[in-house]
Amino acid sequence: MTERTGTSAPPANPFDQGYFDSDELRRFGFKRVGANVRIARNATIIGLRNIALGENIRIDDHVVIAAQAGSLELGNHIHIAGGCYLGCAGGITLADFTGLSQGVRVYSGTDDYSGKSLTNPTVPHQYLKLKIAPVTLEKHVIIGSGSVILPGVTIGEGSCVGALSLVSKSLDGWGVYFGSPVKWLRSRSKHLLELEKMLVEAETPRP
């Protein structure tokens, strides 16, 4: 992934729209915006008042966040890569040091596919049977490209999910998972906790 430089200055390259920075974002009506937050100018975000952003966050190009109902809570040191979709009707929480690779879909609300109800948002609510349930990614969870997470899922601390996986049930912590439906492959190293400690110490202001 190519790292962008600069945030609020108008782009010299018309194909690189750049990012809004924290100061700009605080004027738009988000519930909360921490320090060092960057959101791509061509992201689509609905329901700003329901979105709380921690610190050190980057949200890349063509991300869609639909939070006109429900909520989105982002912790610190979070990356949401290009082309992701977050449907926040039931509430989505991403804890510190979590990441979504390109094209991940996270749904906290979905239609009933059984055929016992109508579907899609153009239909009056009384004809629908929606599943609305929160989705939580605990600390140090990373989700591979193209994966789909369905309502009611909690992914435990330190786990990772490989690309193109379908996650329809909650996952225990510190595992490596992959597949459709997702399956446990092996344990994941906890060495990153030592690196987290070093980073937090480096970021803590000294007296």
N, C-alpha and C. Protein backbone atom coordinates (compact mmCIF):
# COMPACT_ATOMS: atom_id res chain seq x y z
N MET A 1 0.85 -1.20 0.00
CA MET A 1 0.00 0.00 0.00
C MET A 1 0.88 1.24 0.00
N THR A 2 0.58 2.19 -0.86
CA THR A 2 1.37 3.41 -0.96
C THR A 2 0.98 4.39 0.14
N GLU A 3 1.95 4.87 0.86
CA GLU A 3 1.71 5.84 1.92
C GLU A 3 1.52 7.22 1.32
N ARG A 4 0.47 7.90 1.75
CA ARG A 4 0.21 9.25 1.26
C ARG A 4 1.04 10.26 2.06
N THR A 5 1.33 11.37 1.45
CA THR A 5 1.98 12.47 2.15
C THR A 5 1.07 13.67 2.09
N GLY A 6 1.04 14.41 3.20
CA GLY A 6 0.18 15.59 3.24
C GLY A 6 -1.24 15.22 3.58
N THR A 7 -2.01 16.24 4.00
CA THR A 7 -3.39 15.97 4.39
C THR A 7 -4.34 16.96 3.76
N SER A 8 -4.32 18.19 4.22
CA SER A 8 -5.38 19.11 3.86
C SER A 8 -5.11 19.92 2.60
N ALA A 9 -3.87 19.95 2.10
CA ALA A 9 -3.57 20.77 0.93
C ALA A 9 -4.26 20.21 -0.31
N PRO A 10 -4.75 21.08 -1.20
CA PRO A 10 -5.38 20.60 -2.43
C PRO A 10 -4.41 19.73 -3.22
N PRO A 11 -4.88 18.61 -3.77
CA PRO A 11 -3.96 17.70 -4.45
C PRO A 11 -3.47 18.25 -5.78
N ALA A 12 -2.17 18.08 -6.03
CA ALA A 12 -1.62 18.46 -7.32
C ALA A 12 -1.99 17.42 -8.37
N ASN A 13 -2.13 16.18 -7.94
CA ASN A 13 -2.50 15.08 -8.83
C ASN A 13 -4.01 14.85 -8.70
N PRO A 14 -4.80 15.04 -9.77
CA PRO A 14 -6.25 14.92 -9.65
C PRO A 14 -6.71 13.50 -9.33
N PHE A 15 -5.83 12.51 -9.49
CA PHE A 15 -6.18 11.14 -9.18
C PHE A 15 -5.85 10.78 -7.73
N ASP A 16 -5.30 11.72 -6.99
CA ASP A 16 -4.96 11.51 -5.57
C ASP A 16 -5.63 12.64 -4.79
N GLN A 17 -6.81 12.36 -4.23
CA GLN A 17 -7.62 13.41 -3.63
C GLN A 17 -7.16 13.81 -2.23
N GLY A 18 -6.25 13.04 -1.62
CA GLY A 18 -5.72 13.42 -0.32
C GLY A 18 -6.69 13.11 0.81
N TYR A 19 -6.38 13.67 1.98
CA TYR A 19 -7.09 13.37 3.21
C TYR A 19 -7.52 14.64 3.94
N PHE A 20 -8.65 14.55 4.63
CA PHE A 20 -8.99 15.53 5.66
C PHE A 20 -8.18 15.20 6.91
N ASP A 21 -7.77 16.23 7.65
CA ASP A 21 -7.07 15.99 8.91
C ASP A 21 -8.00 16.26 10.09
N SER A 22 -7.48 16.05 11.29
CA SER A 22 -8.31 16.16 12.50
C SER A 22 -8.97 17.52 12.64
N ASP A 23 -8.22 18.58 12.37
CA ASP A 23 -8.78 19.92 12.53
C ASP A 23 -9.97 20.13 11.60
N GLU A 24 -9.85 19.68 10.37
CA GLU A 24 -10.97 19.81 9.43
C GLU A 24 -12.14 18.93 9.86
N LEU A 25 -11.84 17.70 10.27
CA LEU A 25 -12.90 16.75 10.62
C LEU A 25 -13.73 17.22 11.80
N ARG A 26 -13.12 17.93 12.73
CA ARG A 26 -13.85 18.40 13.92
C ARG A 26 -14.93 19.41 13.56
N ARG A 27 -14.86 19.99 12.39
CA ARG A 27 -15.86 20.97 11.98
C ARG A 27 -17.08 20.33 11.32
N PHE A 28 -17.02 19.03 11.09
CA PHE A 28 -18.05 18.38 10.28
C PHE A 28 -19.19 17.77 11.08
N GLY A 29 -19.06 17.65 12.41
CA GLY A 29 -20.16 17.13 13.20
C GLY A 29 -20.01 15.71 13.71
N PHE A 30 -18.77 15.16 13.68
CA PHE A 30 -18.55 13.86 14.29
C PHE A 30 -18.79 13.93 15.80
N LYS A 31 -19.14 12.80 16.38
CA LYS A 31 -19.34 12.73 17.82
C LYS A 31 -18.05 13.07 18.57
N ARG A 32 -16.92 12.55 18.06
CA ARG A 32 -15.61 12.83 18.66
C ARG A 32 -14.54 12.58 17.62
N VAL A 33 -13.50 13.43 17.62
CA VAL A 33 -12.35 13.25 16.73
C VAL A 33 -11.09 13.47 17.55
N GLY A 34 -10.24 12.44 17.61
CA GLY A 34 -8.98 12.54 18.33
C GLY A 34 -7.88 13.16 17.47
N ALA A 35 -6.67 13.07 17.99
CA ALA A 35 -5.51 13.63 17.29
C ALA A 35 -5.03 12.68 16.19
N ASN A 36 -4.48 13.29 15.14
CA ASN A 36 -3.86 12.54 14.04
C ASN A 36 -4.83 11.57 13.39
N VAL A 37 -6.00 12.07 13.04
CA VAL A 37 -6.98 11.29 12.28
C VAL A 37 -6.97 11.79 10.85
N ARG A 38 -6.91 10.88 9.89
CA ARG A 38 -6.95 11.23 8.47
C ARG A 38 -8.00 10.37 7.78
N ILE A 39 -8.87 11.04 7.03
CA ILE A 39 -9.91 10.35 6.28
C ILE A 39 -9.85 10.81 4.83
N ALA A 40 -9.82 9.87 3.92
CA ALA A 40 -9.73 10.20 2.50
C ALA A 40 -10.89 11.08 2.07
N ARG A 41 -10.59 12.03 1.24
CA ARG A 41 -11.60 12.99 0.80
C ARG A 41 -12.69 12.35 -0.06
N ASN A 42 -12.41 11.19 -0.63
CA ASN A 42 -13.43 10.53 -1.44
C ASN A 42 -14.07 9.35 -0.71
N ALA A 43 -13.94 9.30 0.60
CA ALA A 43 -14.72 8.35 1.39
C ALA A 43 -16.17 8.84 1.47
N THR A 44 -17.10 7.91 1.69
CA THR A 44 -18.51 8.24 1.88
C THR A 44 -18.91 7.88 3.30
N ILE A 45 -19.31 8.87 4.08
CA ILE A 45 -19.62 8.65 5.50
C ILE A 45 -20.95 9.32 5.81
N ILE A 46 -21.90 8.54 6.32
CA ILE A 46 -23.24 9.02 6.65
C ILE A 46 -23.49 8.79 8.13
N GLY A 47 -24.06 9.80 8.80
CA GLY A 47 -24.35 9.69 10.23
C GLY A 47 -23.18 10.11 11.09
N LEU A 48 -22.58 11.25 10.80
CA LEU A 48 -21.38 11.70 11.50
C LEU A 48 -21.59 11.79 13.01
N ARG A 49 -22.79 12.19 13.44
CA ARG A 49 -23.05 12.37 14.87
C ARG A 49 -22.99 11.05 15.63
N ASN A 50 -23.03 9.94 14.93
CA ASN A 50 -22.99 8.61 15.56
C ASN A 50 -21.62 7.95 15.49
N ILE A 51 -20.60 8.73 15.10
CA ILE A 51 -19.27 8.18 14.87
C ILE A 51 -18.26 8.86 15.79
N ALA A 52 -17.56 8.03 16.60
CA ALA A 52 -16.52 8.53 17.51
C ALA A 52 -15.17 7.99 17.07
N LEU A 53 -14.22 8.89 16.88
CA LEU A 53 -12.90 8.54 16.35
C LEU A 53 -11.83 8.80 17.40
N GLY A 54 -11.02 7.79 17.69
CA GLY A 54 -9.92 7.95 18.63
C GLY A 54 -8.75 8.68 18.00
N GLU A 55 -7.52 8.25 18.33
CA GLU A 55 -6.32 8.90 17.83
C GLU A 55 -5.55 7.97 16.88
N ASN A 56 -4.79 8.59 15.98
CA ASN A 56 -3.94 7.84 15.05
C ASN A 56 -4.77 6.87 14.22
N ILE A 57 -5.66 7.43 13.43
CA ILE A 57 -6.58 6.65 12.58
C ILE A 57 -6.38 7.09 11.14
N ARG A 58 -6.40 6.11 10.23
CA ARG A 58 -6.39 6.43 8.80
C ARG A 58 -7.48 5.63 8.11
N ILE A 59 -8.34 6.34 7.38
CA ILE A 59 -9.42 5.73 6.60
C ILE A 59 -9.18 6.10 5.15
N ASP A 60 -9.01 5.10 4.30
CA ASP A 60 -8.54 5.32 2.94
C ASP A 60 -9.67 5.50 1.93
N ASP A 61 -9.27 5.57 0.66
CA ASP A 61 -10.16 5.90 -0.45
C ASP A 61 -11.34 4.94 -0.59
N HIS A 62 -12.48 5.51 -0.93
CA HIS A 62 -13.68 4.76 -1.31
C HIS A 62 -14.21 3.86 -0.20
N VAL A 63 -13.87 4.17 1.04
CA VAL A 63 -14.52 3.52 2.18
C VAL A 63 -15.93 4.08 2.30
N VAL A 64 -16.90 3.21 2.61
CA VAL A 64 -18.27 3.63 2.85
C VAL A 64 -18.62 3.26 4.29
N ILE A 65 -19.05 4.25 5.06
CA ILE A 65 -19.50 4.04 6.44
C ILE A 65 -20.93 4.53 6.53
N ALA A 66 -21.85 3.61 6.81
CA ALA A 66 -23.27 3.94 6.91
C ALA A 66 -23.68 3.86 8.38
N ALA A 67 -23.75 5.03 9.02
CA ALA A 67 -24.05 5.09 10.45
C ALA A 67 -25.22 6.03 10.73
N GLN A 68 -26.13 6.14 9.76
CA GLN A 68 -27.31 6.96 10.00
C GLN A 68 -28.16 6.38 11.12
N ALA A 69 -28.05 5.05 11.33
CA ALA A 69 -28.61 4.37 12.50
C ALA A 69 -27.47 3.61 13.16
N GLY A 70 -27.59 3.38 14.47
CA GLY A 70 -26.54 2.66 15.18
C GLY A 70 -25.37 3.56 15.51
N SER A 71 -24.15 2.97 15.51
CA SER A 71 -22.98 3.74 15.94
C SER A 71 -21.71 3.08 15.43
N LEU A 72 -20.64 3.89 15.38
CA LEU A 72 -19.30 3.40 15.08
C LEU A 72 -18.34 3.99 16.10
N GLU A 73 -17.61 3.12 16.80
CA GLU A 73 -16.62 3.54 17.79
C GLU A 73 -15.26 3.01 17.36
N LEU A 74 -14.32 3.92 17.07
CA LEU A 74 -12.97 3.54 16.71
C LEU A 74 -12.02 3.94 17.81
N GLY A 75 -11.15 3.00 18.22
CA GLY A 75 -10.14 3.29 19.23
C GLY A 75 -8.95 4.01 18.63
N ASN A 76 -7.74 3.63 19.07
CA ASN A 76 -6.52 4.29 18.64
C ASN A 76 -5.68 3.36 17.75
N HIS A 77 -4.92 3.97 16.85
CA HIS A 77 -4.05 3.22 15.94
C HIS A 77 -4.87 2.22 15.11
N ILE A 78 -5.76 2.76 14.31
CA ILE A 78 -6.66 1.94 13.50
C ILE A 78 -6.51 2.33 12.03
N HIS A 79 -6.49 1.32 11.18
CA HIS A 79 -6.43 1.55 9.73
C HIS A 79 -7.59 0.83 9.07
N ILE A 80 -8.34 1.57 8.24
CA ILE A 80 -9.40 1.00 7.40
C ILE A 80 -9.00 1.27 5.96
N ALA A 81 -8.66 0.20 5.24
CA ALA A 81 -8.09 0.32 3.91
C ALA A 81 -9.17 0.59 2.86
N GLY A 82 -8.73 0.89 1.66
CA GLY A 82 -9.61 1.30 0.59
C GLY A 82 -10.70 0.28 0.27
N GLY A 83 -11.88 0.80 -0.05
CA GLY A 83 -12.97 -0.03 -0.51
C GLY A 83 -13.72 -0.81 0.55
N CYS A 84 -13.49 -0.53 1.82
CA CYS A 84 -14.22 -1.23 2.89
C CYS A 84 -15.63 -0.67 3.03
N TYR A 85 -16.52 -1.49 3.57
CA TYR A 85 -17.88 -1.07 3.87
C TYR A 85 -18.19 -1.43 5.32
N LEU A 86 -18.70 -0.46 6.08
CA LEU A 86 -19.12 -0.68 7.46
C LEU A 86 -20.57 -0.26 7.60
N GLY A 87 -21.45 -1.23 7.80
CA GLY A 87 -22.86 -0.97 8.04
C GLY A 87 -23.12 -1.02 9.53
N CYS A 88 -23.42 0.14 10.10
CA CYS A 88 -23.34 0.33 11.56
C CYS A 88 -24.67 0.28 12.28
N ALA A 89 -25.73 -0.25 11.66
CA ALA A 89 -27.07 -0.20 12.26
C ALA A 89 -27.13 -0.81 13.65
N GLY A 90 -26.40 -1.89 13.88
CA GLY A 90 -26.39 -2.54 15.18
C GLY A 90 -25.26 -2.11 16.08
N GLY A 91 -24.37 -1.26 15.56
CA GLY A 91 -23.21 -0.80 16.31
C GLY A 91 -21.97 -1.59 15.95
N ILE A 92 -20.90 -0.89 15.60
CA ILE A 92 -19.61 -1.51 15.31
C ILE A 92 -18.56 -0.85 16.20
N THR A 93 -17.73 -1.68 16.83
CA THR A 93 -16.63 -1.20 17.66
C THR A 93 -15.33 -1.82 17.19
N LEU A 94 -14.34 -0.98 16.88
CA LEU A 94 -13.00 -1.43 16.56
C LEU A 94 -12.07 -0.92 17.66
N ALA A 95 -11.49 -1.84 18.41
CA ALA A 95 -10.61 -1.47 19.51
C ALA A 95 -9.22 -1.10 18.98
N ASP A 96 -8.34 -0.72 19.89
CA ASP A 96 -7.01 -0.23 19.53
C ASP A 96 -6.24 -1.25 18.68
N PHE A 97 -5.48 -0.72 17.73
CA PHE A 97 -4.57 -1.51 16.89
C PHE A 97 -5.30 -2.53 16.03
N THR A 98 -6.53 -2.25 15.65
CA THR A 98 -7.23 -3.12 14.71
C THR A 98 -7.06 -2.60 13.30
N GLY A 99 -7.27 -3.50 12.32
CA GLY A 99 -7.11 -3.11 10.93
C GLY A 99 -8.01 -3.89 10.01
N LEU A 100 -8.56 -3.21 9.02
CA LEU A 100 -9.35 -3.83 7.97
C LEU A 100 -8.60 -3.65 6.66
N SER A 101 -8.25 -4.76 6.00
CA SER A 101 -7.59 -4.69 4.70
C SER A 101 -8.60 -4.32 3.62
N GLN A 102 -8.11 -4.16 2.41
CA GLN A 102 -8.94 -3.65 1.32
C GLN A 102 -10.19 -4.52 1.11
N GLY A 103 -11.31 -3.84 0.95
CA GLY A 103 -12.53 -4.51 0.55
C GLY A 103 -13.23 -5.34 1.61
N VAL A 104 -12.90 -5.15 2.87
CA VAL A 104 -13.60 -5.87 3.94
C VAL A 104 -15.01 -5.30 4.11
N ARG A 105 -15.98 -6.18 4.37
CA ARG A 105 -17.37 -5.77 4.62
C ARG A 105 -17.74 -6.17 6.05
N VAL A 106 -18.20 -5.19 6.82
CA VAL A 106 -18.64 -5.45 8.19
C VAL A 106 -20.10 -5.04 8.30
N TYR A 107 -20.96 -6.00 8.61
CA TYR A 107 -22.40 -5.76 8.69
C TYR A 107 -22.88 -5.99 10.12
N SER A 108 -23.47 -4.97 10.72
CA SER A 108 -24.13 -5.15 12.02
C SER A 108 -25.65 -5.17 11.86
N GLY A 109 -26.10 -5.19 10.62
CA GLY A 109 -27.52 -5.35 10.31
C GLY A 109 -27.65 -6.00 8.95
N THR A 110 -28.59 -6.94 8.80
CA THR A 110 -28.77 -7.61 7.52
C THR A 110 -30.20 -8.07 7.36
N ASP A 111 -30.61 -8.24 6.13
CA ASP A 111 -31.93 -8.79 5.83
C ASP A 111 -31.99 -10.27 6.16
N ASP A 112 -33.21 -10.79 6.23
CA ASP A 112 -33.45 -12.23 6.39
C ASP A 112 -33.50 -12.86 5.00
N TYR A 113 -32.66 -13.85 4.77
CA TYR A 113 -32.56 -14.48 3.45
C TYR A 113 -33.40 -15.74 3.34
N SER A 114 -34.24 -16.05 4.32
CA SER A 114 -35.00 -17.31 4.33
C SER A 114 -36.17 -17.32 3.36
N GLY A 115 -36.59 -16.15 2.90
CA GLY A 115 -37.77 -16.06 2.06
C GLY A 115 -39.04 -15.79 2.82
N LYS A 116 -38.95 -15.63 4.14
CA LYS A 116 -40.13 -15.40 4.99
C LYS A 116 -40.46 -13.92 5.15
N SER A 117 -39.67 -13.07 4.50
CA SER A 117 -39.92 -11.64 4.57
C SER A 117 -39.40 -11.00 3.30
N LEU A 118 -39.81 -9.75 3.07
CA LEU A 118 -39.24 -9.00 1.97
C LEU A 118 -37.87 -8.46 2.38
N THR A 119 -37.13 -7.98 1.39
CA THR A 119 -35.79 -7.48 1.66
C THR A 119 -35.55 -6.16 0.95
N ASN A 120 -34.53 -5.47 1.41
CA ASN A 120 -33.93 -4.24 0.88
C ASN A 120 -34.60 -2.99 1.45
N PRO A 121 -33.86 -1.89 1.48
CA PRO A 121 -34.32 -0.69 2.19
C PRO A 121 -35.44 0.08 1.53
N THR A 122 -35.86 -0.31 0.33
CA THR A 122 -36.98 0.38 -0.29
C THR A 122 -38.33 -0.14 0.21
N VAL A 123 -38.32 -1.23 1.00
CA VAL A 123 -39.55 -1.88 1.46
C VAL A 123 -39.91 -1.35 2.85
N PRO A 124 -41.19 -1.04 3.12
CA PRO A 124 -41.59 -0.60 4.47
C PRO A 124 -41.18 -1.60 5.54
N HIS A 125 -40.85 -1.07 6.72
CA HIS A 125 -40.24 -1.86 7.78
C HIS A 125 -41.11 -3.05 8.21
N GLN A 126 -42.43 -2.91 8.16
CA GLN A 126 -43.30 -3.99 8.64
C GLN A 126 -43.23 -5.25 7.78
N TYR A 127 -42.68 -5.14 6.58
CA TYR A 127 -42.55 -6.30 5.70
C TYR A 127 -41.16 -6.93 5.76
N LEU A 128 -40.30 -6.39 6.60
CA LEU A 128 -38.92 -6.86 6.72
C LEU A 128 -38.74 -7.69 7.98
N LYS A 129 -37.69 -8.48 8.00
CA LYS A 129 -37.25 -9.19 9.19
C LYS A 129 -35.74 -9.04 9.28
N LEU A 130 -35.32 -7.99 9.96
CA LEU A 130 -33.91 -7.65 10.00
C LEU A 130 -33.21 -8.30 11.18
N LYS A 131 -31.96 -8.69 10.97
CA LYS A 131 -31.11 -9.08 12.09
C LYS A 131 -30.18 -7.92 12.39
N ILE A 132 -30.35 -7.34 13.57
CA ILE A 132 -29.54 -6.20 14.01
C ILE A 132 -28.79 -6.62 15.27
N ALA A 133 -27.47 -6.62 15.22
CA ALA A 133 -26.67 -7.04 16.37
C ALA A 133 -25.28 -6.43 16.27
N PRO A 134 -24.68 -6.07 17.40
CA PRO A 134 -23.38 -5.39 17.36
C PRO A 134 -22.25 -6.29 16.87
N VAL A 135 -21.26 -5.65 16.29
CA VAL A 135 -20.02 -6.31 15.88
C VAL A 135 -18.87 -5.65 16.63
N THR A 136 -18.00 -6.49 17.23
CA THR A 136 -16.87 -5.97 18.00
C THR A 136 -15.59 -6.65 17.56
N LEU A 137 -14.59 -5.85 17.22
CA LEU A 137 -13.24 -6.33 17.00
C LEU A 137 -12.39 -5.86 18.17
N GLU A 138 -11.90 -6.80 18.97
CA GLU A 138 -11.09 -6.45 20.13
C GLU A 138 -9.66 -6.07 19.69
N LYS A 139 -8.83 -5.69 20.65
CA LYS A 139 -7.50 -5.15 20.33
C LYS A 139 -6.68 -6.11 19.48
N HIS A 140 -5.94 -5.53 18.55
CA HIS A 140 -4.97 -6.25 17.72
C HIS A 140 -5.61 -7.25 16.75
N VAL A 141 -6.87 -7.06 16.43
CA VAL A 141 -7.52 -7.90 15.42
C VAL A 141 -7.24 -7.31 14.04
N ILE A 142 -6.92 -8.17 13.09
CA ILE A 142 -6.72 -7.73 11.72
C ILE A 142 -7.52 -8.65 10.80
N ILE A 143 -8.18 -8.03 9.81
CA ILE A 143 -9.07 -8.75 8.91
C ILE A 143 -8.51 -8.63 7.48
N GLY A 144 -8.35 -9.79 6.82
CA GLY A 144 -7.76 -9.82 5.49
C GLY A 144 -8.71 -9.37 4.40
N SER A 145 -8.15 -9.02 3.26
CA SER A 145 -8.88 -8.42 2.14
C SER A 145 -10.08 -9.27 1.71
N GLY A 146 -11.18 -8.58 1.45
CA GLY A 146 -12.35 -9.23 0.89
C GLY A 146 -13.17 -10.06 1.86
N SER A 147 -12.82 -10.05 3.13
CA SER A 147 -13.57 -10.84 4.11
C SER A 147 -14.88 -10.15 4.47
N VAL A 148 -15.83 -10.96 4.97
CA VAL A 148 -17.15 -10.48 5.34
C VAL A 148 -17.42 -10.88 6.79
N ILE A 149 -17.87 -9.91 7.59
CA ILE A 149 -18.22 -10.15 8.99
C ILE A 149 -19.69 -9.82 9.16
N LEU A 150 -20.45 -10.76 9.75
CA LEU A 150 -21.90 -10.64 9.85
C LEU A 150 -22.33 -10.19 11.25
N PRO A 151 -23.59 -9.77 11.41
CA PRO A 151 -24.06 -9.23 12.68
C PRO A 151 -23.89 -10.20 13.86
N GLY A 152 -23.59 -9.62 15.03
CA GLY A 152 -23.50 -10.40 16.25
C GLY A 152 -22.14 -10.99 16.53
N VAL A 153 -21.16 -10.73 15.68
CA VAL A 153 -19.83 -11.34 15.81
C VAL A 153 -18.94 -10.50 16.72
N THR A 154 -18.23 -11.19 17.62
CA THR A 154 -17.12 -10.60 18.37
C THR A 154 -15.87 -11.39 18.04
N ILE A 155 -14.83 -10.70 17.63
CA ILE A 155 -13.55 -11.35 17.35
C ILE A 155 -12.60 -11.00 18.48
N GLY A 156 -12.14 -12.05 19.18
CA GLY A 156 -11.36 -11.86 20.39
C GLY A 156 -10.00 -11.23 20.16
N GLU A 157 -9.45 -10.67 21.20
CA GLU A 157 -8.19 -9.94 21.15
C GLU A 157 -7.10 -10.76 20.46
N GLY A 158 -6.37 -10.09 19.57
CA GLY A 158 -5.19 -10.67 18.97
C GLY A 158 -5.43 -11.62 17.82
N SER A 159 -6.66 -11.86 17.44
CA SER A 159 -6.92 -12.80 16.35
C SER A 159 -6.80 -12.13 14.99
N CYS A 160 -6.50 -12.96 13.98
CA CYS A 160 -6.47 -12.45 12.62
C CYS A 160 -7.28 -13.38 11.72
N VAL A 161 -7.87 -12.80 10.69
CA VAL A 161 -8.72 -13.52 9.75
C VAL A 161 -8.14 -13.36 8.37
N GLY A 162 -7.89 -14.46 7.67
CA GLY A 162 -7.29 -14.42 6.35
C GLY A 162 -8.23 -13.87 5.30
N ALA A 163 -7.67 -13.54 4.15
CA ALA A 163 -8.43 -12.93 3.06
C ALA A 163 -9.58 -13.82 2.59
N LEU A 164 -10.67 -13.17 2.15
CA LEU A 164 -11.82 -13.84 1.54
C LEU A 164 -12.52 -14.80 2.49
N SER A 165 -12.49 -14.51 3.77
CA SER A 165 -13.15 -15.35 4.77
C SER A 165 -14.55 -14.83 5.07
N LEU A 166 -15.42 -15.75 5.51
CA LEU A 166 -16.77 -15.41 5.96
C LEU A 166 -16.86 -15.68 7.45
N VAL A 167 -17.10 -14.61 8.23
CA VAL A 167 -17.16 -14.74 9.69
C VAL A 167 -18.61 -14.53 10.12
N SER A 168 -19.27 -15.61 10.47
CA SER A 168 -20.68 -15.55 10.88
C SER A 168 -20.87 -15.90 12.34
N LYS A 169 -19.78 -16.24 13.04
CA LYS A 169 -19.86 -16.56 14.46
C LYS A 169 -18.66 -15.94 15.17
N SER A 170 -18.78 -15.75 16.47
CA SER A 170 -17.71 -15.13 17.23
C SER A 170 -16.48 -16.02 17.29
N LEU A 171 -15.30 -15.40 17.36
CA LEU A 171 -14.03 -16.11 17.36
C LEU A 171 -13.27 -15.84 18.65
N ASP A 172 -12.61 -16.88 19.16
CA ASP A 172 -11.77 -16.72 20.35
C ASP A 172 -10.54 -15.89 20.03
N GLY A 173 -9.88 -15.41 21.08
CA GLY A 173 -8.71 -14.58 20.91
C GLY A 173 -7.46 -15.36 20.54
N TRP A 174 -6.51 -14.64 19.96
CA TRP A 174 -5.16 -15.12 19.66
C TRP A 174 -5.16 -16.36 18.77
N GLY A 175 -6.01 -16.31 17.75
CA GLY A 175 -6.03 -17.37 16.75
C GLY A 175 -5.82 -16.82 15.36
N VAL A 176 -5.41 -17.71 14.46
CA VAL A 176 -5.33 -17.42 13.04
C VAL A 176 -6.47 -18.19 12.38
N TYR A 177 -7.35 -17.47 11.69
CA TYR A 177 -8.56 -18.07 11.11
C TYR A 177 -8.60 -17.80 9.62
N PHE A 178 -9.24 -18.73 8.90
CA PHE A 178 -9.37 -18.56 7.45
C PHE A 178 -10.49 -19.46 6.94
N GLY A 179 -11.18 -18.99 5.88
CA GLY A 179 -12.10 -19.86 5.18
C GLY A 179 -13.51 -19.32 5.13
N SER A 180 -14.34 -20.01 4.37
CA SER A 180 -15.75 -19.65 4.21
C SER A 180 -16.60 -20.92 4.34
N PRO A 181 -17.12 -21.21 5.54
CA PRO A 181 -17.05 -20.39 6.76
C PRO A 181 -15.65 -20.46 7.40
N VAL A 182 -15.35 -19.47 8.21
CA VAL A 182 -14.02 -19.36 8.80
C VAL A 182 -13.75 -20.51 9.76
N LYS A 183 -12.49 -20.97 9.77
CA LYS A 183 -12.06 -22.04 10.68
C LYS A 183 -10.75 -21.66 11.33
N TRP A 184 -10.54 -22.18 12.55
CA TRP A 184 -9.28 -21.95 13.29
C TRP A 184 -8.17 -22.73 12.62
N LEU A 185 -7.01 -22.07 12.41
CA LEU A 185 -5.86 -22.75 11.84
C LEU A 185 -4.78 -23.01 12.86
N ARG A 186 -4.42 -21.98 13.63
CA ARG A 186 -3.35 -22.12 14.61
C ARG A 186 -3.38 -20.92 15.55
N SER A 187 -2.55 -20.97 16.57
CA SER A 187 -2.44 -19.85 17.50
C SER A 187 -1.60 -18.74 16.88
N ARG A 188 -1.85 -17.52 17.32
CA ARG A 188 -1.10 -16.36 16.85
C ARG A 188 -0.14 -15.90 17.92
N SER A 189 1.04 -15.46 17.52
CA SER A 189 2.05 -14.99 18.45
C SER A 189 1.57 -13.77 19.23
N LYS A 190 1.99 -13.67 20.49
CA LYS A 190 1.67 -12.51 21.32
C LYS A 190 2.84 -11.53 21.42
N HIS A 191 3.85 -11.73 20.60
CA HIS A 191 5.00 -10.84 20.65
C HIS A 191 4.61 -9.39 20.41
N LEU A 192 3.56 -9.18 19.64
CA LEU A 192 3.13 -7.81 19.33
C LEU A 192 2.75 -7.02 20.58
N LEU A 193 2.42 -7.71 21.68
CA LEU A 193 2.10 -7.00 22.92
C LEU A 193 3.32 -6.28 23.47
N GLU A 194 4.51 -6.86 23.28
CA GLU A 194 5.73 -6.19 23.69
C GLU A 194 5.97 -4.95 22.83
N LEU A 195 5.68 -5.07 21.54
CA LEU A 195 5.84 -3.92 20.65
C LEU A 195 4.84 -2.82 20.99
N GLU A 196 3.61 -3.22 21.35
CA GLU A 196 2.62 -2.23 21.78
C GLU A 196 3.13 -1.46 23.00
N LYS A 197 3.68 -2.19 23.95
CA LYS A 197 4.19 -1.55 25.18
C LYS A 197 5.28 -0.54 24.84
N MET A 198 6.18 -0.92 23.94
CA MET A 198 7.25 0.00 23.54
C MET A 198 6.69 1.24 22.86
N LEU A 199 5.71 1.06 21.99
CA LEU A 199 5.11 2.19 21.28
C LEU A 199 4.41 3.13 22.25
N VAL A 200 3.62 2.57 23.16
CA VAL A 200 2.90 3.40 24.14
C VAL A 200 3.88 4.20 24.99
N GLU A 201 4.96 3.56 25.39
CA GLU A 201 5.97 4.29 26.18
C GLU A 201 6.60 5.41 25.36
N ALA A 202 6.86 5.15 24.08
CA ALA A 202 7.46 6.17 23.22
C ALA A 202 6.51 7.34 23.00
N GLU A 203 5.22 7.08 22.97
CA GLU A 203 4.23 8.13 22.73
C GLU A 203 3.85 8.90 24.00
N THR A 204 4.19 8.35 25.16
CA THR A 204 3.82 9.00 26.42
C THR A 204 4.74 10.20 26.68
N PRO A 205 4.18 11.39 26.84
CA PRO A 205 5.02 12.57 27.10
C PRO A 205 5.86 12.39 28.37
N ARG A 206 7.10 12.79 28.28
CA ARG A 206 8.00 12.71 29.45
C ARG A 206 7.91 13.99 30.24
N PRO A 207 7.97 13.88 31.59
CA PRO A 207 7.89 15.09 32.43
C PRO A 207 9.13 15.96 32.26
